[in-house]
Amino acid sequence: MIYTNYQRELKKHTKIYMTFFDYGEQDFIMCEMCQQDRAVDIHHLDSRGMGGSKAKDYIENLMGLCRDCHNQAENDSAFNMFCRIKHLEHVCHQVYALIEYEKKFKKNENRTN
C-alpha cells in the first residue's frame, strides 16, 4: 500500500487499522457494528487508559466505529464485548482472504515456472 501525506499524519493505531484492511484515504470505511454510518473513530477494545499506551495498538484491539457505536462501546462493557467478538470475526475473514490470495498467487506462479 502506498502511503499518502494524509496517512503519514494519522495516528499510529489508525495507520495499523487502515493498512491491515487495505483502506485508502478516500475509502468509505463503514462502522463495523451498525453498518449504517461512516466509521469516524478507531476504538481500542481494550482501553489504552490515561497516557495512551502504544502497546495496545494491534489489529485485534482496533475497531472502526461510528460516533454512536463508539460512545456505546466506551460506556457499556457488554456492548464492548460484543464489539470484540464481531471485530475478531472481521479480522479472521481478512486473514482468510489473504491466505486464499497467497495460495492463488503461488499456484499461478508455479504454472508459469
N, C-alpha and C. Protein backbone atom coordinates (compact mmCIF):
# COMPACT_ATOMS: atom_id res chain seq x y z
N MET A 1 0.83 -1.17 0.00
CA MET A 1 0.00 0.00 0.00
C MET A 1 0.88 1.24 0.00
N ILE A 2 0.56 2.20 -0.82
CA ILE A 2 1.32 3.43 -0.89
C ILE A 2 0.73 4.42 0.10
N TYR A 3 1.57 4.99 0.95
CA TYR A 3 1.10 5.96 1.92
C TYR A 3 1.13 7.36 1.33
N THR A 4 0.06 8.06 1.52
CA THR A 4 -0.01 9.45 1.08
C THR A 4 0.39 10.33 2.26
N ASN A 5 0.56 11.62 2.02
CA ASN A 5 0.87 12.55 3.10
C ASN A 5 -0.20 12.50 4.17
N TYR A 6 -1.46 12.32 3.76
CA TYR A 6 -2.58 12.25 4.69
C TYR A 6 -2.38 11.10 5.68
N GLN A 7 -1.99 9.94 5.18
CA GLN A 7 -1.85 8.78 6.05
C GLN A 7 -0.64 8.91 6.97
N ARG A 8 0.42 9.59 6.54
CA ARG A 8 1.58 9.77 7.40
C ARG A 8 1.22 10.60 8.62
N GLU A 9 0.19 11.44 8.50
CA GLU A 9 -0.22 12.30 9.60
C GLU A 9 -1.20 11.60 10.54
N LEU A 10 -1.69 10.44 10.17
CA LEU A 10 -2.63 9.72 11.02
C LEU A 10 -1.93 9.16 12.25
N LYS A 11 -2.72 8.94 13.28
CA LYS A 11 -2.18 8.31 14.48
C LYS A 11 -1.76 6.89 14.16
N LYS A 12 -0.81 6.37 14.92
CA LYS A 12 -0.27 5.03 14.67
C LYS A 12 -1.36 3.97 14.62
N HIS A 13 -2.29 3.99 15.55
CA HIS A 13 -3.33 2.95 15.58
C HIS A 13 -4.26 3.05 14.36
N THR A 14 -4.48 4.26 13.85
CA THR A 14 -5.30 4.42 12.66
C THR A 14 -4.57 3.87 11.44
N LYS A 15 -3.27 4.09 11.35
CA LYS A 15 -2.47 3.54 10.24
C LYS A 15 -2.50 2.01 10.26
N ILE A 16 -2.36 1.44 11.46
CA ILE A 16 -2.38 -0.02 11.60
C ILE A 16 -3.71 -0.57 11.08
N TYR A 17 -4.80 0.04 11.48
CA TYR A 17 -6.13 -0.41 11.07
C TYR A 17 -6.30 -0.29 9.55
N MET A 18 -5.97 0.87 9.01
CA MET A 18 -6.16 1.11 7.58
C MET A 18 -5.27 0.21 6.73
N THR A 19 -4.07 -0.03 7.18
CA THR A 19 -3.15 -0.89 6.43
C THR A 19 -3.64 -2.33 6.44
N PHE A 20 -4.05 -2.84 7.59
CA PHE A 20 -4.50 -4.22 7.69
C PHE A 20 -5.68 -4.50 6.77
N PHE A 21 -6.64 -3.58 6.74
CA PHE A 21 -7.82 -3.78 5.91
C PHE A 21 -7.68 -3.17 4.52
N ASP A 22 -6.49 -2.69 4.21
CA ASP A 22 -6.15 -2.14 2.88
C ASP A 22 -7.08 -1.00 2.48
N TYR A 23 -7.31 -0.09 3.42
CA TYR A 23 -8.12 1.09 3.14
C TYR A 23 -7.23 2.24 2.69
N GLY A 24 -7.73 3.01 1.75
CA GLY A 24 -7.05 4.23 1.32
C GLY A 24 -7.74 5.44 1.92
N GLU A 25 -7.11 6.60 1.75
CA GLU A 25 -7.65 7.80 2.38
C GLU A 25 -9.02 8.19 1.83
N GLN A 26 -9.36 7.80 0.62
CA GLN A 26 -10.65 8.16 0.03
C GLN A 26 -11.72 7.09 0.25
N ASP A 27 -11.36 5.97 0.84
CA ASP A 27 -12.31 4.88 1.04
C ASP A 27 -13.36 5.24 2.09
N PHE A 28 -14.58 4.75 1.86
CA PHE A 28 -15.65 4.86 2.85
C PHE A 28 -15.48 3.67 3.78
N ILE A 29 -15.16 3.93 5.01
CA ILE A 29 -14.98 2.87 6.00
C ILE A 29 -16.25 2.82 6.84
N MET A 30 -16.98 1.73 6.69
CA MET A 30 -18.26 1.57 7.37
C MET A 30 -18.05 1.12 8.81
N CYS A 31 -18.91 1.58 9.68
CA CYS A 31 -18.89 1.15 11.08
C CYS A 31 -19.03 -0.37 11.12
N GLU A 32 -18.13 -1.01 11.85
CA GLU A 32 -18.15 -2.47 11.93
C GLU A 32 -19.36 -3.01 12.69
N MET A 33 -19.98 -2.18 13.52
CA MET A 33 -21.11 -2.65 14.31
C MET A 33 -22.46 -2.41 13.63
N CYS A 34 -22.80 -1.17 13.39
CA CYS A 34 -24.14 -0.88 12.89
C CYS A 34 -24.23 -0.95 11.36
N GLN A 35 -23.11 -0.92 10.68
CA GLN A 35 -23.07 -0.99 9.22
C GLN A 35 -23.89 0.12 8.57
N GLN A 36 -24.21 1.17 9.30
CA GLN A 36 -25.06 2.24 8.79
C GLN A 36 -24.29 3.53 8.54
N ASP A 37 -23.33 3.82 9.36
CA ASP A 37 -22.64 5.09 9.30
C ASP A 37 -21.15 4.90 9.01
N ARG A 38 -20.53 6.00 8.66
CA ARG A 38 -19.09 6.02 8.43
C ARG A 38 -18.38 5.84 9.77
N ALA A 39 -17.35 4.98 9.76
CA ALA A 39 -16.52 4.82 10.95
C ALA A 39 -15.64 6.06 11.08
N VAL A 40 -15.85 6.81 12.13
CA VAL A 40 -15.07 8.03 12.33
C VAL A 40 -14.06 7.87 13.45
N ASP A 41 -14.15 6.79 14.20
CA ASP A 41 -13.24 6.54 15.31
C ASP A 41 -12.64 5.14 15.19
N ILE A 42 -11.38 5.03 15.53
CA ILE A 42 -10.77 3.71 15.69
C ILE A 42 -10.75 3.46 17.19
N HIS A 43 -11.59 2.55 17.61
CA HIS A 43 -11.82 2.25 19.03
C HIS A 43 -10.83 1.20 19.50
N HIS A 44 -10.23 1.43 20.68
CA HIS A 44 -9.41 0.42 21.34
C HIS A 44 -10.35 -0.42 22.19
N LEU A 45 -10.54 -1.67 21.80
CA LEU A 45 -11.44 -2.56 22.54
C LEU A 45 -10.98 -2.74 23.98
N ASP A 46 -9.68 -2.90 24.17
CA ASP A 46 -9.08 -2.90 25.50
C ASP A 46 -8.46 -1.52 25.65
N SER A 47 -9.05 -0.69 26.45
CA SER A 47 -8.69 0.72 26.54
C SER A 47 -7.20 0.93 26.81
N ARG A 48 -6.66 1.97 26.17
CA ARG A 48 -5.26 2.33 26.39
C ARG A 48 -5.05 2.99 27.73
N GLY A 49 -6.11 3.50 28.32
CA GLY A 49 -6.00 4.17 29.62
C GLY A 49 -5.40 5.55 29.49
N MET A 50 -5.21 6.18 30.60
CA MET A 50 -4.62 7.52 30.62
C MET A 50 -3.18 7.44 30.15
N GLY A 51 -2.81 8.36 29.31
CA GLY A 51 -1.44 8.38 28.79
C GLY A 51 -1.31 7.70 27.45
N GLY A 52 -2.29 6.87 27.07
CA GLY A 52 -2.33 6.28 25.74
C GLY A 52 -1.21 5.30 25.42
N SER A 53 -1.14 4.20 26.12
CA SER A 53 -0.13 3.17 25.88
C SER A 53 -0.17 2.68 24.44
N LYS A 54 0.98 2.72 23.76
CA LYS A 54 1.08 2.25 22.37
C LYS A 54 1.09 0.72 22.31
N ALA A 55 1.26 0.05 23.45
CA ALA A 55 1.31 -1.42 23.48
C ALA A 55 -0.03 -2.04 23.09
N LYS A 56 -1.10 -1.25 23.07
CA LYS A 56 -2.42 -1.78 22.74
C LYS A 56 -2.82 -1.47 21.31
N ASP A 57 -1.85 -1.02 20.49
CA ASP A 57 -2.11 -0.70 19.09
C ASP A 57 -1.83 -1.91 18.20
N TYR A 58 -2.67 -2.94 18.30
CA TYR A 58 -2.57 -4.11 17.44
C TYR A 58 -3.96 -4.39 16.87
N ILE A 59 -4.01 -5.00 15.70
CA ILE A 59 -5.26 -5.07 14.93
C ILE A 59 -6.41 -5.73 15.68
N GLU A 60 -6.13 -6.74 16.49
CA GLU A 60 -7.21 -7.40 17.23
C GLU A 60 -7.84 -6.48 18.27
N ASN A 61 -7.19 -5.38 18.58
CA ASN A 61 -7.69 -4.44 19.58
C ASN A 61 -8.23 -3.15 18.96
N LEU A 62 -8.21 -3.04 17.64
CA LEU A 62 -8.60 -1.80 16.97
C LEU A 62 -9.83 -2.04 16.08
N MET A 63 -10.86 -1.25 16.30
CA MET A 63 -12.11 -1.44 15.57
C MET A 63 -12.64 -0.11 15.05
N GLY A 64 -13.07 -0.08 13.80
CA GLY A 64 -13.64 1.13 13.21
C GLY A 64 -15.11 1.25 13.59
N LEU A 65 -15.45 2.35 14.27
CA LEU A 65 -16.82 2.56 14.73
C LEU A 65 -17.30 3.97 14.39
N CYS A 66 -18.62 4.09 14.21
CA CYS A 66 -19.23 5.42 14.08
C CYS A 66 -19.24 6.04 15.48
N ARG A 67 -19.55 7.30 15.55
CA ARG A 67 -19.54 8.01 16.84
C ARG A 67 -20.52 7.39 17.84
N ASP A 68 -21.74 7.06 17.41
CA ASP A 68 -22.73 6.49 18.33
C ASP A 68 -22.28 5.15 18.89
N CYS A 69 -21.79 4.26 18.01
CA CYS A 69 -21.33 2.95 18.48
C CYS A 69 -20.09 3.08 19.36
N HIS A 70 -19.21 4.02 19.02
CA HIS A 70 -18.02 4.24 19.84
C HIS A 70 -18.41 4.69 21.24
N ASN A 71 -19.34 5.63 21.33
CA ASN A 71 -19.80 6.08 22.65
C ASN A 71 -20.42 4.94 23.44
N GLN A 72 -21.21 4.10 22.76
CA GLN A 72 -21.85 2.97 23.44
C GLN A 72 -20.80 1.97 23.92
N ALA A 73 -19.79 1.70 23.08
CA ALA A 73 -18.73 0.77 23.46
C ALA A 73 -17.92 1.29 24.66
N GLU A 74 -17.74 2.59 24.71
CA GLU A 74 -17.00 3.19 25.83
C GLU A 74 -17.79 3.12 27.14
N ASN A 75 -19.11 3.13 27.05
CA ASN A 75 -19.94 3.23 28.25
C ASN A 75 -20.65 1.94 28.66
N ASP A 76 -20.58 0.89 27.84
CA ASP A 76 -21.32 -0.34 28.09
C ASP A 76 -20.39 -1.53 27.86
N SER A 77 -19.94 -2.15 28.93
CA SER A 77 -18.96 -3.24 28.81
C SER A 77 -19.51 -4.44 28.04
N ALA A 78 -20.81 -4.71 28.14
CA ALA A 78 -21.40 -5.83 27.40
C ALA A 78 -21.37 -5.53 25.90
N PHE A 79 -21.70 -4.30 25.52
CA PHE A 79 -21.64 -3.91 24.11
C PHE A 79 -20.21 -3.96 23.61
N ASN A 80 -19.26 -3.52 24.44
CA ASN A 80 -17.85 -3.56 24.05
C ASN A 80 -17.40 -5.01 23.81
N MET A 81 -17.87 -5.95 24.63
CA MET A 81 -17.53 -7.36 24.44
C MET A 81 -18.12 -7.88 23.13
N PHE A 82 -19.35 -7.48 22.83
CA PHE A 82 -19.96 -7.86 21.56
C PHE A 82 -19.16 -7.27 20.40
N CYS A 83 -18.70 -6.04 20.56
CA CYS A 83 -17.84 -5.41 19.55
C CYS A 83 -16.59 -6.26 19.31
N ARG A 84 -15.96 -6.70 20.40
CA ARG A 84 -14.74 -7.50 20.30
C ARG A 84 -14.99 -8.78 19.49
N ILE A 85 -16.09 -9.46 19.78
CA ILE A 85 -16.42 -10.70 19.08
C ILE A 85 -16.65 -10.43 17.59
N LYS A 86 -17.43 -9.42 17.30
CA LYS A 86 -17.72 -9.08 15.91
C LYS A 86 -16.45 -8.65 15.16
N HIS A 87 -15.59 -7.88 15.84
CA HIS A 87 -14.35 -7.43 15.20
C HIS A 87 -13.40 -8.60 14.93
N LEU A 88 -13.28 -9.51 15.87
CA LEU A 88 -12.39 -10.67 15.65
C LEU A 88 -12.88 -11.51 14.48
N GLU A 89 -14.17 -11.59 14.30
CA GLU A 89 -14.73 -12.28 13.14
C GLU A 89 -14.30 -11.55 11.85
N HIS A 90 -14.37 -10.23 11.86
CA HIS A 90 -13.96 -9.42 10.71
C HIS A 90 -12.47 -9.62 10.40
N VAL A 91 -11.64 -9.64 11.46
CA VAL A 91 -10.20 -9.86 11.29
C VAL A 91 -9.95 -11.25 10.70
N CYS A 92 -10.65 -12.26 11.20
CA CYS A 92 -10.49 -13.63 10.69
C CYS A 92 -10.84 -13.72 9.21
N HIS A 93 -11.90 -13.04 8.80
CA HIS A 93 -12.28 -13.04 7.38
C HIS A 93 -11.17 -12.42 6.54
N GLN A 94 -10.57 -11.35 7.02
CA GLN A 94 -9.49 -10.70 6.28
C GLN A 94 -8.27 -11.61 6.20
N VAL A 95 -7.92 -12.26 7.28
CA VAL A 95 -6.77 -13.17 7.29
C VAL A 95 -7.04 -14.33 6.34
N TYR A 96 -8.23 -14.90 6.37
CA TYR A 96 -8.59 -15.99 5.47
C TYR A 96 -8.48 -15.54 4.01
N ALA A 97 -8.96 -14.34 3.71
CA ALA A 97 -8.88 -13.82 2.33
C ALA A 97 -7.43 -13.67 1.90
N LEU A 98 -6.56 -13.22 2.81
CA LEU A 98 -5.14 -13.08 2.48
C LEU A 98 -4.48 -14.44 2.24
N ILE A 99 -4.87 -15.43 3.03
CA ILE A 99 -4.34 -16.78 2.84
C ILE A 99 -4.78 -17.33 1.49
N GLU A 100 -6.04 -17.17 1.16
CA GLU A 100 -6.54 -17.64 -0.14
C GLU A 100 -5.86 -16.92 -1.30
N TYR A 101 -5.64 -15.63 -1.16
CA TYR A 101 -4.95 -14.86 -2.19
C TYR A 101 -3.53 -15.39 -2.38
N GLU A 102 -2.86 -15.65 -1.27
CA GLU A 102 -1.48 -16.18 -1.32
C GLU A 102 -1.46 -17.54 -2.01
N LYS A 103 -2.42 -18.40 -1.71
CA LYS A 103 -2.49 -19.72 -2.35
C LYS A 103 -2.65 -19.57 -3.86
N LYS A 104 -3.56 -18.70 -4.29
CA LYS A 104 -3.78 -18.49 -5.72
C LYS A 104 -2.55 -17.91 -6.39
N PHE A 105 -1.89 -16.99 -5.72
CA PHE A 105 -0.68 -16.38 -6.27
C PHE A 105 0.40 -17.43 -6.46
N LYS A 106 0.61 -18.29 -5.46
CA LYS A 106 1.63 -19.34 -5.56
C LYS A 106 1.26 -20.36 -6.64
N LYS A 107 -0.03 -20.68 -6.74
CA LYS A 107 -0.49 -21.63 -7.74
C LYS A 107 -0.21 -21.08 -9.14
N ASN A 108 -0.51 -19.82 -9.37
CA ASN A 108 -0.25 -19.19 -10.67
C ASN A 108 1.23 -19.06 -10.94
N GLU A 109 2.01 -18.81 -9.91
CA GLU A 109 3.45 -18.70 -10.05
C GLU A 109 4.04 -20.05 -10.45
N ASN A 110 3.54 -21.13 -9.89
CA ASN A 110 4.03 -22.48 -10.22
C ASN A 110 3.69 -22.84 -11.65
N ARG A 111 2.56 -22.37 -12.16
CA ARG A 111 2.15 -22.67 -13.54
C ARG A 111 3.09 -21.99 -14.55
N THR A 112 3.58 -20.82 -14.21
CA THR A 112 4.43 -20.09 -15.15
C THR A 112 5.88 -20.59 -15.11
N ASN A 113 6.26 -21.33 -14.09
CA ASN A 113 7.65 -21.83 -13.97
C ASN A 113 7.79 -23.19 -14.55
